Amino acid sequence: MISFDRQDFEVVILAKPNQSATWHQNLWLLLALAIPSIGAAFIFTLFGAWPILPFAGIEIAGLAVALYYVNWKLQYRQIIRFSKKNVQIEKGYFAPKRCWLMERSETAIRIKPENHAWQAPSISIYDHSLEICVGEFLNRDEAIQLLELLKQELKVNTSSAET
């Protein structure tokens, strides 16, 4: 998902993965699956088949861990800020973990075209000393949207099939 905001002399582009369900919705799904599973395990336990109960608990706990991990991975954010003089790129989960600052006049975009029509192009922002890949988790349409927004702010110096 791409969001774009322009305020005074600053442009902010936010890129984040698509998320089909919130953590709250995932908890409701977990509850909807846990009640019948644990309920059936208790009924079997009453009839003497007690080994089913721990396996039902392990199954629900495994699903909870998987849902939490996927939800955590979907909290990844990339924020690209353009001011008059600088380009700032921040990456991280929930809060920025890495941050890069480049001089806008020396910064450009590098595009590596997709290998297949369904893939997204690889987009990098670079200056003379470093190169940062952006939007690597986006689908094709969103990557093209990001590229168009970046082209409005920076020049494209390299666009090739090989890098």
Foldseek 3Di string as FASTA:
>chain_A
DWDWDDDDQKIKIKDFADDPDAVVVLVVVLVVVLVVLQVVQVVVVVVPPNVSNVVSVVVSVVSNVVSVVVNQRRQWMWMWMDGPFWIKIFIDGPDGPDIDIDTQVQKAKAWACDPDPFQAIWIWIDGPPDIDTPDNNDTRVVNVVVVVVVVVRHYHDHYYNPD
